[in-house]
Amino acid sequence: MSHSVSRRGFLGTSTTAMAAAAAPLPAPDGPVRVVAGPSARLTAAEINQIRSAGKNVDLYQCRDEEEFRRRAADAEVLLGFVSKEVIQAAKNVKWIQTWAAGLETLPEETFQHPAVLTNMQRVYAPVIAETAFALLLGLTRGIVQSFAPGMREHRWGGLNRQVPLVDLYQKTMGIVGMGGIGSEIARRAYYGFSMKVLATDAKPLPKPEYVAELRDPGWLLEMVPQVDVLVSAAPHTKVTERMFNAEVFAKMKPTAYFLNMSRGGLVDQPALTRALVERRILGAGLDVTTPEPLPPGDPLWDAPNLIITGHSSGGAAIRQVRLIGLVTENMRRYTDGLPLLNVCDKQRRY
C-alpha cells in the first residue's frame, strides 16, 4: 500500500499542529540553493517533491561528507545532520533542517550560527508512542517476564507466579515532557486505557483535555508518588541530565513502572539498576540507555522486570513519509516567506 501525506493532512495531525513557528525569514528573491547532506539520503522522488513544494528551488543531494562541506559554502539551506566542518563552511546559510528530533549531538557551532534551526520534533512521535505501550504492556501482562521465555522453551503458558499481571484501566500515568512524544503517549493513555494523566513541561503550554494536571518541572517530586507509570519524554539538555535519579526512584510506588522514550542521559542508570534489583519499582521499559549500545557486561542487563529495545522506537516506513512531509511543507513556507515549523530554541537546545 502506498502512503502519501497532503499538506492539509500533514498540518492537521496532532504531531505537527503545536509545532509551528517563530518569526518568518524574508521570502527569497532568487533561486534557493538547497544542499542535502549524505544523512538525508533523499530518493529522486523525494527530491522532486521538495523542489516542487517551493519556488525556484535548486536541491542537490551530496554523496559524502566532503562534498557536503564543499557545497555548503554556496548553500542557502542545508538538509540533514551537519558537522562542525559543514557549519564552518556554511557562511551564507539561512536555514538548517536537521534530520533528528534531539539536538544534543549537533556541534556547538550550530547553535552559534545565525541560521534558523528546525528539527524533526513530533515527526517520530506517533510510532514512539506505540512502542511505549508495547514496552508497558509487555511488562504489565507478563509477556516479557513469563510468556516469551516459555515460548522459546516450547512451554505452554509458562507463567511466572512471582510476576503479577497488572491492568492499566484507570491507573495514573505521569509524563515528563509534553512535546510530541509525551503528547502522543498521553493521548493514547487517556483515550485508549482510560488512564489519568499527570504531566510536567518546562514550557508554559495549554493543558490538553486528555491531561488532568500539567505543571512546571518543579512539581516532579510531588507528582512521582501519585503515578503508576512514570514516563521520560523530555529532551536531553544540561538541565535534564540525570533528572531521573535515586531520589525520584525512591519516591515511586513499589508497584510502579518506569519508561524512558527520550534519551539515556536523562537517567541515572546505576540508580535505576538498583531500584530494579532491589525491587523498589515493579519494572522498566527502555528504548534508550547510556551508552548506546549498552555493553554486554553492564549490570542493567541483569535487572529483573526489564525490557530494552535498543533505540528502535522511531522505526516505521511511515516515518519517512512524515519526515519528507515536514521538509516539503517547510520548503513551501520558506520560499513564501512564512513561519517555519519546528523552529528550535538555540538557548534551551530543543
C-alpha atoms as a PDB file:
ATOM      1  CA  MET A   1       0.000   0.000   0.000  1.00  0.00           C
ATOM      2  CA  SER A   2       1.396   3.415  -0.887  1.00  0.00           C
ATOM      3  CA  HIS A   3       1.404   6.271   1.594  1.00  0.00           C
ATOM      4  CA  SER A   4       1.089   9.960   0.894  1.00  0.00           C
ATOM      5  CA  VAL A   5       0.696  12.985   3.115  1.00  0.00           C
ATOM      6  CA  SER A   6      -1.108  16.054   1.852  1.00  0.00           C
ATOM      7  CA  ARG A   7      -0.193  19.467   3.225  1.00  0.00           C
ATOM      8  CA  ARG A   8      -3.610  19.785   4.858  1.00  0.00           C
ATOM      9  CA  GLY A   9      -3.345  16.293   6.301  1.00  0.00           C
ATOM     10  CA  PHE A  10       0.185  16.885   7.494  1.00  0.00           C
ATOM     11  CA  LEU A  11      -0.647  20.133   9.251  1.00  0.00           C
ATOM     12  CA  GLY A  12      -3.801  18.642  10.686  1.00  0.00           C
ATOM     13  CA  THR A  13      -2.027  15.843  12.526  1.00  0.00           C
ATOM     14  CA  SER A  14      -1.564  16.209  16.244  1.00  0.00           C
ATOM     15  CA  THR A  15       2.145  15.661  15.746  1.00  0.00           C
ATOM     16  CA  THR A  16       2.629  18.979  13.988  1.00  0.00           C
ATOM     17  CA  ALA A  17      -0.245  21.218  14.959  1.00  0.00           C
ATOM     18  CA  MET A  18       1.577  22.531  18.043  1.00  0.00           C
ATOM     19  CA  ALA A  19       4.995  22.730  16.366  1.00  0.00           C
ATOM     20  CA  ALA A  20       4.736  25.964  14.378  1.00  0.00           C
ATOM     21  CA  ALA A  21       6.927  28.504  14.321  1.00  0.00           C
ATOM     22  CA  ALA A  22       8.876  31.624  15.075  1.00  0.00           C
ATOM     23  CA  ALA A  23       9.076  34.821  13.054  1.00  0.00           C
ATOM     24  CA  PRO A  24       9.489  34.076   9.319  1.00  0.00           C
ATOM     25  CA  LEU A  25      12.556  34.771   7.251  1.00  0.00           C
ATOM     26  CA  PRO A  26      12.145  37.167   4.319  1.00  0.00           C
ATOM     27  CA  ALA A  27      10.988  35.416   1.160  1.00  0.00           C
ATOM     28  CA  PRO A  28      13.929  34.738  -1.204  1.00  0.00           C
ATOM     29  CA  ASP A  29      14.003  36.933  -4.307  1.00  0.00           C
ATOM     30  CA  GLY A  30      16.003  34.485  -6.436  1.00  0.00           C
ATOM     31  CA  PRO A  31      16.893  30.792  -6.801  1.00  0.00           C
ATOM     32  CA  VAL A  32      17.111  28.923  -3.488  1.00  0.00           C
ATOM     33  CA  ARG A  33      20.251  26.789  -3.307  1.00  0.00           C
ATOM     34  CA  VAL A  34      19.453  23.753  -1.127  1.00  0.00           C
ATOM     35  CA  VAL A  35      22.092  21.156  -0.275  1.00  0.00           C
ATOM     36  CA  ALA A  36      21.189  17.825   1.343  1.00  0.00           C
ATOM     37  CA  GLY A  37      23.888  16.006   3.287  1.00  0.00           C
ATOM     38  CA  PRO A  38      24.572  12.273   2.979  1.00  0.00           C
ATOM     39  CA  SER A  39      22.490  11.599   6.112  1.00  0.00           C
ATOM     40  CA  ALA A  40      19.369  12.839   4.274  1.00  0.00           C
ATOM     41  CA  ARG A  41      19.549  10.033   1.667  1.00  0.00           C
ATOM     42  CA  LEU A  42      16.801  11.514  -0.477  1.00  0.00           C
ATOM     43  CA  THR A  43      15.349   9.495  -3.337  1.00  0.00           C
ATOM     44  CA  ALA A  44      14.733  11.057  -6.739  1.00  0.00           C
ATOM     45  CA  ALA A  45      11.006  11.194  -5.976  1.00  0.00           C
ATOM     46  CA  GLU A  46      11.608  12.897  -2.624  1.00  0.00           C
ATOM     47  CA  ILE A  47      13.951  15.430  -4.213  1.00  0.00           C
ATOM     48  CA  ASN A  48      11.288  16.248  -6.787  1.00  0.00           C
ATOM     49  CA  GLN A  49       8.632  16.523  -4.069  1.00  0.00           C
ATOM     50  CA  ILE A  50      10.702  19.030  -2.062  1.00  0.00           C
ATOM     51  CA  ARG A  51      11.700  21.006  -5.160  1.00  0.00           C
ATOM     52  CA  SER A  52       8.149  21.316  -6.410  1.00  0.00           C
ATOM     53  CA  ALA A  53       6.862  22.467  -2.996  1.00  0.00           C
ATOM     54  CA  GLY A  54       8.777  25.750  -3.130  1.00  0.00           C
ATOM     55  CA  LYS A  55       9.520  28.428  -5.670  1.00  0.00           C
ATOM     56  CA  ASN A  56      12.702  28.248  -7.732  1.00  0.00           C
ATOM     57  CA  VAL A  57      14.302  25.564  -5.528  1.00  0.00           C
ATOM     58  CA  ASP A  58      17.637  24.094  -6.648  1.00  0.00           C
ATOM     59  CA  LEU A  59      18.218  20.982  -4.497  1.00  0.00           C
ATOM     60  CA  TYR A  60      21.349  18.830  -4.645  1.00  0.00           C
ATOM     61  CA  GLN A  61      21.888  15.538  -2.769  1.00  0.00           C
ATOM     62  CA  CYS A  62      25.517  15.052  -1.693  1.00  0.00           C
ATOM     63  CA  ARG A  63      27.133  11.634  -1.869  1.00  0.00           C
ATOM     64  CA  ASP A  64      29.563  12.071   1.028  1.00  0.00           C
ATOM     65  CA  GLU A  65      30.587  14.412   3.819  1.00  0.00           C
ATOM     66  CA  GLU A  66      33.402  16.037   1.846  1.00  0.00           C
ATOM     67  CA  GLU A  67      31.021  17.015  -0.939  1.00  0.00           C
ATOM     68  CA  PHE A  68      28.551  18.314   1.645  1.00  0.00           C
ATOM     69  CA  ARG A  69      31.217  20.521   3.214  1.00  0.00           C
ATOM     70  CA  ARG A  70      32.278  21.876  -0.178  1.00  0.00           C
ATOM     71  CA  ARG A  71      28.768  22.626  -1.442  1.00  0.00           C
ATOM     72  CA  ALA A  72      27.664  24.112   1.900  1.00  0.00           C
ATOM     73  CA  ALA A  73      29.830  27.150   1.143  1.00  0.00           C
ATOM     74  CA  ASP A  74      27.346  28.310  -1.532  1.00  0.00           C
ATOM     75  CA  ALA A  75      24.154  26.969   0.061  1.00  0.00           C
ATOM     76  CA  GLU A  76      21.200  28.929   1.424  1.00  0.00           C
ATOM     77  CA  VAL A  77      19.520  25.886   3.004  1.00  0.00           C
ATOM     78  CA  LEU A  78      21.051  22.707   4.478  1.00  0.00           C
ATOM     79  CA  LEU A  79      19.159  19.449   4.964  1.00  0.00           C
ATOM     80  CA  GLY A  80      20.334  16.592   7.193  1.00  0.00           C
ATOM     81  CA  PHE A  81      22.849  16.256  10.010  1.00  0.00           C
ATOM     82  CA  VAL A  82      25.503  18.972   9.927  1.00  0.00           C
ATOM     83  CA  SER A  83      29.051  18.522  11.216  1.00  0.00           C
ATOM     84  CA  LYS A  84      31.368  21.174  12.644  1.00  0.00           C
ATOM     85  CA  GLU A  85      33.206  21.358   9.309  1.00  0.00           C
ATOM     86  CA  VAL A  86      29.985  21.834   7.346  1.00  0.00           C
ATOM     87  CA  ILE A  87      28.767  24.592   9.673  1.00  0.00           C
ATOM     88  CA  GLN A  88      32.086  26.398   9.462  1.00  0.00           C
ATOM     89  CA  ALA A  89      31.886  26.325   5.668  1.00  0.00           C
ATOM     90  CA  ALA A  90      28.236  27.447   5.532  1.00  0.00           C
ATOM     91  CA  LYS A  91      28.764  31.209   5.500  1.00  0.00           C
ATOM     92  CA  ASN A  92      25.558  32.075   3.598  1.00  0.00           C
ATOM     93  CA  VAL A  93      23.126  29.540   5.070  1.00  0.00           C
ATOM     94  CA  LYS A  94      19.854  30.973   6.425  1.00  0.00           C
ATOM     95  CA  TRP A  95      18.014  27.784   7.376  1.00  0.00           C
ATOM     96  CA  ILE A  96      19.185  24.379   8.622  1.00  0.00           C
ATOM     97  CA  GLN A  97      16.745  21.456   8.764  1.00  0.00           C
ATOM     98  CA  THR A  98      18.314  18.712  10.854  1.00  0.00           C
ATOM     99  CA  TRP A  99      17.046  15.153  10.490  1.00  0.00           C
ATOM    100  CA  ALA A 100      16.886  14.408  14.230  1.00  0.00           C
ATOM    101  CA  ALA A 101      14.409  15.406  16.915  1.00  0.00           C
ATOM    102  CA  GLY A 102      17.077  15.781  19.607  1.00  0.00           C
ATOM    103  CA  LEU A 103      19.812  18.385  19.244  1.00  0.00           C
ATOM    104  CA  GLU A 104      22.374  17.047  21.714  1.00  0.00           C
ATOM    105  CA  THR A 105      24.611  15.518  19.021  1.00  0.00           C
ATOM    106  CA  LEU A 106      24.878  18.698  16.957  1.00  0.00           C
ATOM    107  CA  PRO A 107      28.192  20.580  17.150  1.00  0.00           C
ATOM    108  CA  GLU A 108      28.323  23.727  19.269  1.00  0.00           C
ATOM    109  CA  GLU A 109      28.910  25.777  16.109  1.00  0.00           C
ATOM    110  CA  THR A 110      25.326  25.018  15.039  1.00  0.00           C
ATOM    111  CA  PHE A 111      23.941  26.975  17.980  1.00  0.00           C
ATOM    112  CA  GLN A 112      26.270  29.912  17.356  1.00  0.00           C
ATOM    113  CA  HIS A 113      25.419  30.115  13.650  1.00  0.00           C
ATOM    114  CA  PRO A 114      22.817  32.793  12.775  1.00  0.00           C
ATOM    115  CA  ALA A 115      20.786  30.393  10.610  1.00  0.00           C
ATOM    116  CA  VAL A 116      17.319  29.324  11.759  1.00  0.00           C
ATOM    117  CA  LEU A 117      17.452  25.728  13.024  1.00  0.00           C
ATOM    118  CA  THR A 118      14.478  23.381  12.637  1.00  0.00           C
ATOM    119  CA  ASN A 119      14.294  19.763  13.762  1.00  0.00           C
ATOM    120  CA  MET A 120      12.094  16.670  13.460  1.00  0.00           C
ATOM    121  CA  GLN A 121      10.218  17.059  16.727  1.00  0.00           C
ATOM    122  CA  ARG A 122       6.794  15.371  16.610  1.00  0.00           C
ATOM    123  CA  VAL A 123       7.602  13.587  13.326  1.00  0.00           C
ATOM    124  CA  TYR A 124       8.639  10.361  15.067  1.00  0.00           C
ATOM    125  CA  ALA A 125       6.225  10.741  17.978  1.00  0.00           C
ATOM    126  CA  PRO A 126       3.262   8.546  16.892  1.00  0.00           C
ATOM    127  CA  VAL A 127       5.317   5.399  16.390  1.00  0.00           C
ATOM    128  CA  ILE A 128       7.436   6.060  19.501  1.00  0.00           C
ATOM    129  CA  ALA A 129       4.210   6.293  21.489  1.00  0.00           C
ATOM    130  CA  GLU A 130       3.155   2.906  20.126  1.00  0.00           C
ATOM    131  CA  THR A 131       6.479   1.440  21.244  1.00  0.00           C
ATOM    132  CA  ALA A 132       5.971   2.945  24.707  1.00  0.00           C
ATOM    133  CA  PHE A 133       2.772   0.966  25.104  1.00  0.00           C
ATOM    134  CA  ALA A 134       4.366  -2.137  23.620  1.00  0.00           C
ATOM    135  CA  LEU A 135       7.016  -1.934  26.354  1.00  0.00           C
ATOM    136  CA  LEU A 136       4.470  -1.191  29.058  1.00  0.00           C
ATOM    137  CA  LEU A 137       2.034  -3.943  28.065  1.00  0.00           C
ATOM    138  CA  GLY A 138       4.908  -6.385  27.666  1.00  0.00           C
ATOM    139  CA  LEU A 139       5.646  -5.799  31.344  1.00  0.00           C
ATOM    140  CA  THR A 140       2.137  -5.437  32.795  1.00  0.00           C
ATOM    141  CA  ARG A 141       0.828  -8.555  31.033  1.00  0.00           C
ATOM    142  CA  GLY A 142       3.840 -10.734  31.847  1.00  0.00           C
ATOM    143  CA  ILE A 143       4.842 -11.184  28.212  1.00  0.00           C
ATOM    144  CA  VAL A 144       8.454 -10.170  28.802  1.00  0.00           C
ATOM    145  CA  GLN A 145       8.968 -11.977  32.097  1.00  0.00           C
ATOM    146  CA  SER A 146       6.927 -15.146  31.595  1.00  0.00           C
ATOM    147  CA  PHE A 147       5.460 -15.915  28.221  1.00  0.00           C
ATOM    148  CA  ALA A 148       8.307 -15.002  25.875  1.00  0.00           C
ATOM    149  CA  PRO A 149      10.841 -17.223  27.723  1.00  0.00           C
ATOM    150  CA  GLY A 150       8.276 -20.020  27.966  1.00  0.00           C
ATOM    151  CA  MET A 151       7.556 -19.853  24.240  1.00  0.00           C
ATOM    152  CA  ARG A 152      11.253 -20.123  23.385  1.00  0.00           C
ATOM    153  CA  GLU A 153      11.382 -23.264  25.543  1.00  0.00           C
ATOM    154  CA  HIS A 154       8.186 -24.664  23.930  1.00  0.00           C
ATOM    155  CA  ARG A 155       6.290 -24.470  27.249  1.00  0.00           C
ATOM    156  CA  TRP A 156       2.554 -23.784  27.333  1.00  0.00           C
ATOM    157  CA  GLY A 157       1.679 -20.779  29.494  1.00  0.00           C
ATOM    158  CA  GLY A 158       4.938 -20.525  31.363  1.00  0.00           C
ATOM    159  CA  LEU A 159       3.507 -18.019  33.852  1.00  0.00           C
ATOM    160  CA  ASN A 160       5.997 -16.897  36.476  1.00  0.00           C
ATOM    161  CA  ARG A 161       3.930 -16.707  39.648  1.00  0.00           C
ATOM    162  CA  GLN A 162       6.353 -14.110  41.027  1.00  0.00           C
ATOM    163  CA  VAL A 163       5.308 -11.701  38.275  1.00  0.00           C
ATOM    164  CA  PRO A 164       1.905 -10.068  38.834  1.00  0.00           C
ATOM    165  CA  LEU A 165      -0.361  -9.425  35.869  1.00  0.00           C
ATOM    166  CA  VAL A 166      -1.423  -5.794  36.035  1.00  0.00           C
ATOM    167  CA  ASP A 167      -4.140  -3.833  34.230  1.00  0.00           C
ATOM    168  CA  LEU A 168      -3.834  -0.198  33.160  1.00  0.00           C
ATOM    169  CA  TYR A 169      -7.531   0.689  33.342  1.00  0.00           C
ATOM    170  CA  GLN A 170      -7.999   3.917  35.338  1.00  0.00           C
ATOM    171  CA  LYS A 171      -4.402   3.845  36.565  1.00  0.00           C
ATOM    172  CA  THR A 172      -2.351   7.067  36.652  1.00  0.00           C
ATOM    173  CA  MET A 173       0.458   7.930  34.240  1.00  0.00           C
ATOM    174  CA  GLY A 174       2.962  10.697  34.872  1.00  0.00           C
ATOM    175  CA  ILE A 175       4.741  12.143  31.826  1.00  0.00           C
ATOM    176  CA  VAL A 176       7.808  14.356  31.972  1.00  0.00           C
ATOM    177  CA  GLY A 177       7.913  16.393  28.760  1.00  0.00           C
ATOM    178  CA  MET A 178       4.753  17.197  26.818  1.00  0.00           C
ATOM    179  CA  GLY A 179       6.321  17.669  23.410  1.00  0.00           C
ATOM    180  CA  GLY A 180       5.479  15.369  20.527  1.00  0.00           C
ATOM    181  CA  ILE A 181       6.318  12.083  22.251  1.00  0.00           C
ATOM    182  CA  GLY A 182       4.752  12.977  25.581  1.00  0.00           C
ATOM    183  CA  SER A 183       1.581  14.304  23.961  1.00  0.00           C
ATOM    184  CA  GLU A 184       1.115  11.199  21.820  1.00  0.00           C
ATOM    185  CA  ILE A 185       1.657   8.888  24.801  1.00  0.00           C
ATOM    186  CA  ALA A 186      -0.735  10.940  26.939  1.00  0.00           C
ATOM    187  CA  ARG A 187      -3.464  10.833  24.300  1.00  0.00           C
ATOM    188  CA  ARG A 188      -3.242   7.055  23.970  1.00  0.00           C
ATOM    189  CA  ALA A 189      -3.177   6.584  27.734  1.00  0.00           C
ATOM    190  CA  TYR A 190      -6.326   8.639  28.251  1.00  0.00           C
ATOM    191  CA  TYR A 191      -8.427   7.591  25.282  1.00  0.00           C
ATOM    192  CA  GLY A 192      -7.134   4.053  24.898  1.00  0.00           C
ATOM    193  CA  PHE A 193      -6.802   2.933  28.514  1.00  0.00           C
ATOM    194  CA  SER A 194      -8.931   5.419  30.484  1.00  0.00           C
ATOM    195  CA  MET A 195      -5.832   6.423  32.426  1.00  0.00           C
ATOM    196  CA  LYS A 196      -5.496   9.620  34.398  1.00  0.00           C
ATOM    197  CA  VAL A 197      -2.585  11.629  33.018  1.00  0.00           C
ATOM    198  CA  LEU A 198      -0.394  13.995  35.026  1.00  0.00           C
ATOM    199  CA  ALA A 199       2.448  15.842  33.309  1.00  0.00           C
ATOM    200  CA  THR A 200       5.229  18.390  33.584  1.00  0.00           C
ATOM    201  CA  ASP A 201       6.832  20.590  30.952  1.00  0.00           C
ATOM    202  CA  ALA A 202       9.319  23.437  31.012  1.00  0.00           C
ATOM    203  CA  LYS A 203       7.257  25.485  28.556  1.00  0.00           C
ATOM    204  CA  PRO A 204       4.006  27.222  29.584  1.00  0.00           C
ATOM    205  CA  LEU A 205       1.801  25.020  27.390  1.00  0.00           C
ATOM    206  CA  PRO A 206      -2.016  24.978  27.366  1.00  0.00           C
ATOM    207  CA  LYS A 207      -3.303  21.874  29.148  1.00  0.00           C
ATOM    208  CA  PRO A 208      -4.800  19.346  26.713  1.00  0.00           C
ATOM    209  CA  GLU A 209      -8.229  17.934  27.590  1.00  0.00           C
ATOM    210  CA  TYR A 210      -6.722  14.458  27.987  1.00  0.00           C
ATOM    211  CA  VAL A 211      -4.328  15.634  30.738  1.00  0.00           C
ATOM    212  CA  ALA A 212      -5.717  16.040  34.250  1.00  0.00           C
ATOM    213  CA  GLU A 213      -2.902  18.260  35.502  1.00  0.00           C
ATOM    214  CA  LEU A 214       0.050  19.931  33.752  1.00  0.00           C
ATOM    215  CA  ARG A 215       2.645  21.847  35.753  1.00  0.00           C
ATOM    216  CA  ASP A 216       6.231  23.066  35.551  1.00  0.00           C
ATOM    217  CA  PRO A 217       9.176  20.691  36.265  1.00  0.00           C
ATOM    218  CA  GLY A 218       9.336  21.801  39.898  1.00  0.00           C
ATOM    219  CA  TRP A 219       6.264  19.612  40.505  1.00  0.00           C
ATOM    220  CA  LEU A 220       8.113  16.387  39.579  1.00  0.00           C
ATOM    221  CA  LEU A 221       8.831  15.048  43.072  1.00  0.00           C
ATOM    222  CA  GLU A 222       5.254  15.733  44.112  1.00  0.00           C
ATOM    223  CA  MET A 223       3.869  14.045  41.000  1.00  0.00           C
ATOM    224  CA  VAL A 224       6.022  10.901  41.116  1.00  0.00           C
ATOM    225  CA  PRO A 225       4.424   9.230  44.206  1.00  0.00           C
ATOM    226  CA  GLN A 226       0.984   9.576  42.598  1.00  0.00           C
ATOM    227  CA  VAL A 227       1.674   7.648  39.398  1.00  0.00           C
ATOM    228  CA  ASP A 228       1.553   4.002  38.407  1.00  0.00           C
ATOM    229  CA  VAL A 229       3.628   4.636  35.286  1.00  0.00           C
ATOM    230  CA  LEU A 230       6.367   7.272  35.053  1.00  0.00           C
ATOM    231  CA  VAL A 231       7.428   8.261  31.521  1.00  0.00           C
ATOM    232  CA  SER A 232      10.567  10.118  30.444  1.00  0.00           C
ATOM    233  CA  ALA A 233       9.812  12.109  27.268  1.00  0.00           C
ATOM    234  CA  ALA A 234      11.801  15.318  27.826  1.00  0.00           C
ATOM    235  CA  PRO A 235      14.700  16.488  25.637  1.00  0.00           C
ATOM    236  CA  HIS A 236      18.278  15.837  26.765  1.00  0.00           C
ATOM    237  CA  THR A 237      19.803  19.120  27.950  1.00  0.00           C
ATOM    238  CA  LYS A 238      22.113  20.230  30.748  1.00  0.00           C
ATOM    239  CA  VAL A 239      19.014  20.843  32.855  1.00  0.00           C
ATOM    240  CA  THR A 240      17.520  17.369  32.310  1.00  0.00           C
ATOM    241  CA  GLU A 241      20.795  15.412  32.646  1.00  0.00           C
ATOM    242  CA  ARG A 242      20.197  12.505  35.083  1.00  0.00           C
ATOM    243  CA  MET A 243      16.968  14.041  36.314  1.00  0.00           C
ATOM    244  CA  PHE A 244      15.580  10.545  36.927  1.00  0.00           C
ATOM    245  CA  ASN A 245      17.838   9.757  39.857  1.00  0.00           C
ATOM    246  CA  ALA A 246      17.823   7.821  43.125  1.00  0.00           C
ATOM    247  CA  GLU A 247      15.548  10.403  44.765  1.00  0.00           C
ATOM    248  CA  VAL A 248      12.957  10.047  42.005  1.00  0.00           C
ATOM    249  CA  PHE A 249      13.043   6.244  42.021  1.00  0.00           C
ATOM    250  CA  ALA A 250      12.761   6.245  45.833  1.00  0.00           C
ATOM    251  CA  LYS A 251       9.533   8.261  45.580  1.00  0.00           C
ATOM    252  CA  MET A 252       7.924   5.909  43.056  1.00  0.00           C
ATOM    253  CA  LYS A 253       5.357   3.379  44.207  1.00  0.00           C
ATOM    254  CA  PRO A 254       6.836  -0.141  44.553  1.00  0.00           C
ATOM    255  CA  THR A 255       4.098  -1.197  42.110  1.00  0.00           C
ATOM    256  CA  ALA A 256       5.008   1.441  39.514  1.00  0.00           C
ATOM    257  CA  TYR A 257       6.760   1.144  36.143  1.00  0.00           C
ATOM    258  CA  PHE A 258       9.309   3.456  34.521  1.00  0.00           C
ATOM    259  CA  LEU A 259       9.565   4.092  30.765  1.00  0.00           C
ATOM    260  CA  ASN A 260      12.326   6.056  29.026  1.00  0.00           C
ATOM    261  CA  MET A 261      11.386   7.060  25.478  1.00  0.00           C
ATOM    262  CA  SER A 262      13.700  10.075  25.240  1.00  0.00           C
ATOM    263  CA  ARG A 263      17.469   9.784  25.794  1.00  0.00           C
ATOM    264  CA  GLY A 264      19.574   7.666  28.114  1.00  0.00           C
ATOM    265  CA  GLY A 265      21.261  10.754  29.529  1.00  0.00           C
ATOM    266  CA  LEU A 266      18.113  11.719  31.431  1.00  0.00           C
ATOM    267  CA  VAL A 267      18.518   8.689  33.702  1.00  0.00           C
ATOM    268  CA  ASP A 268      20.968   7.910  36.477  1.00  0.00           C
ATOM    269  CA  GLN A 269      21.385   4.372  35.174  1.00  0.00           C
ATOM    270  CA  PRO A 270      23.072   2.839  38.254  1.00  0.00           C
ATOM    271  CA  ALA A 271      20.233   4.248  40.387  1.00  0.00           C
ATOM    272  CA  LEU A 272      17.654   2.681  38.070  1.00  0.00           C
ATOM    273  CA  THR A 273      19.520  -0.630  38.145  1.00  0.00           C
ATOM    274  CA  ARG A 274      19.486  -0.623  41.960  1.00  0.00           C
ATOM    275  CA  ALA A 275      15.780   0.253  42.043  1.00  0.00           C
ATOM    276  CA  LEU A 276      15.002  -2.748  39.829  1.00  0.00           C
ATOM    277  CA  VAL A 277      17.368  -5.210  41.537  1.00  0.00           C
ATOM    278  CA  GLU A 278      16.127  -4.220  44.985  1.00  0.00           C
ATOM    279  CA  ARG A 279      12.540  -4.363  43.646  1.00  0.00           C
ATOM    280  CA  ARG A 280      11.755  -0.817  44.763  1.00  0.00           C
ATOM    281  CA  ILE A 281       9.855  -0.405  41.485  1.00  0.00           C
ATOM    282  CA  LEU A 282       7.974  -3.096  39.602  1.00  0.00           C
ATOM    283  CA  GLY A 283       9.636  -2.816  36.195  1.00  0.00           C
ATOM    284  CA  ALA A 284      11.136  -0.647  33.461  1.00  0.00           C
ATOM    285  CA  GLY A 285      10.923  -0.362  29.689  1.00  0.00           C
ATOM    286  CA  LEU A 286      13.813   1.426  27.980  1.00  0.00           C
ATOM    287  CA  ASP A 287      14.249   2.352  24.364  1.00  0.00           C
ATOM    288  CA  VAL A 288      17.423   4.268  25.221  1.00  0.00           C
ATOM    289  CA  THR A 289      20.413   3.747  27.515  1.00  0.00           C
ATOM    290  CA  THR A 290      23.830   5.213  28.312  1.00  0.00           C
ATOM    291  CA  PRO A 291      25.974   4.353  26.474  1.00  0.00           C
ATOM    292  CA  GLU A 292      24.489   3.006  23.260  1.00  0.00           C
ATOM    293  CA  PRO A 293      24.850   0.214  22.501  1.00  0.00           C
ATOM    294  CA  LEU A 294      24.780  -0.938  26.115  1.00  0.00           C
ATOM    295  CA  PRO A 295      27.937  -3.045  26.814  1.00  0.00           C
ATOM    296  CA  PRO A 296      27.309  -6.781  27.377  1.00  0.00           C
ATOM    297  CA  GLY A 297      28.743  -6.590  30.896  1.00  0.00           C
ATOM    298  CA  ASP A 298      26.587  -3.696  32.094  1.00  0.00           C
ATOM    299  CA  PRO A 299      24.669  -4.711  35.260  1.00  0.00           C
ATOM    300  CA  LEU A 300      21.484  -3.209  33.856  1.00  0.00           C
ATOM    301  CA  TRP A 301      21.111  -6.278  31.613  1.00  0.00           C
ATOM    302  CA  ASP A 302      20.597  -8.496  34.669  1.00  0.00           C
ATOM    303  CA  ALA A 303      17.973  -6.303  36.330  1.00  0.00           C
ATOM    304  CA  PRO A 304      14.593  -8.039  36.737  1.00  0.00           C
ATOM    305  CA  ASN A 305      11.386  -6.982  35.008  1.00  0.00           C
ATOM    306  CA  LEU A 306      13.227  -5.025  32.331  1.00  0.00           C
ATOM    307  CA  ILE A 307      12.898  -4.732  28.563  1.00  0.00           C
ATOM    308  CA  ILE A 308      15.305  -2.804  26.302  1.00  0.00           C
ATOM    309  CA  THR A 309      14.532  -2.140  22.629  1.00  0.00           C
ATOM    310  CA  GLY A 310      17.844  -0.589  21.581  1.00  0.00           C
ATOM    311  CA  HIS A 311      16.771   2.888  20.396  1.00  0.00           C
ATOM    312  CA  SER A 312      14.474   1.460  17.739  1.00  0.00           C
ATOM    313  CA  SER A 313      11.170   3.049  18.753  1.00  0.00           C
ATOM    314  CA  GLY A 314      11.123   5.588  15.928  1.00  0.00           C
ATOM    315  CA  GLY A 315      11.359   2.964  13.210  1.00  0.00           C
ATOM    316  CA  ALA A 316       8.484   2.575  10.728  1.00  0.00           C
ATOM    317  CA  ALA A 317       8.091   3.060   6.993  1.00  0.00           C
ATOM    318  CA  ILE A 318       5.588   5.868   7.535  1.00  0.00           C
ATOM    319  CA  ARG A 319       8.258   7.812   9.437  1.00  0.00           C
ATOM    320  CA  GLN A 320       9.980   8.746   6.184  1.00  0.00           C
ATOM    321  CA  VAL A 321       6.685   9.924   4.720  1.00  0.00           C
ATOM    322  CA  ARG A 322       6.111  12.216   7.708  1.00  0.00           C
ATOM    323  CA  LEU A 323       9.723  13.402   7.615  1.00  0.00           C
ATOM    324  CA  ILE A 324       9.577  14.376   3.946  1.00  0.00           C
ATOM    325  CA  GLY A 325       6.151  15.887   4.583  1.00  0.00           C
ATOM    326  CA  LEU A 326       7.668  18.250   7.132  1.00  0.00           C
ATOM    327  CA  VAL A 327      10.607  19.199   4.880  1.00  0.00           C
ATOM    328  CA  THR A 328       8.230  19.758   1.964  1.00  0.00           C
ATOM    329  CA  GLU A 329       5.912  21.977   3.992  1.00  0.00           C
ATOM    330  CA  ASN A 330       8.825  23.937   5.418  1.00  0.00           C
ATOM    331  CA  MET A 331      10.271  24.460   1.931  1.00  0.00           C
ATOM    332  CA  ARG A 332       6.939  25.893   0.788  1.00  0.00           C
ATOM    333  CA  ARG A 333       6.850  28.162   3.816  1.00  0.00           C
ATOM    334  CA  TYR A 334      10.466  29.267   3.390  1.00  0.00           C
ATOM    335  CA  THR A 335      10.081  30.322  -0.231  1.00  0.00           C
ATOM    336  CA  ASP A 336       6.770  32.080   0.571  1.00  0.00           C
ATOM    337  CA  GLY A 337       8.302  33.974   3.499  1.00  0.00           C
ATOM    338  CA  LEU A 338       6.050  32.228   6.052  1.00  0.00           C
ATOM    339  CA  PRO A 339       6.941  30.955   9.559  1.00  0.00           C
ATOM    340  CA  LEU A 340       8.713  27.585   9.560  1.00  0.00           C
ATOM    341  CA  LEU A 341       7.547  24.599  11.575  1.00  0.00           C
ATOM    342  CA  ASN A 342       9.678  23.119  14.382  1.00  0.00           C
ATOM    343  CA  VAL A 343      11.908  26.144  14.947  1.00  0.00           C
ATOM    344  CA  CYS A 344      14.346  25.280  17.753  1.00  0.00           C
ATOM    345  CA  ASP A 345      15.270  27.404  20.736  1.00  0.00           C
ATOM    346  CA  LYS A 346      19.050  27.504  20.484  1.00  0.00           C
ATOM    347  CA  GLN A 347      19.401  28.651  24.075  1.00  0.00           C
ATOM    348  CA  ARG A 348      17.329  25.820  25.541  1.00  0.00           C
ATOM    349  CA  ARG A 349      18.690  23.355  22.953  1.00  0.00           C
ATOM    350  CA  TYR A 350      15.330  21.953  21.870  1.00  0.00           C
END
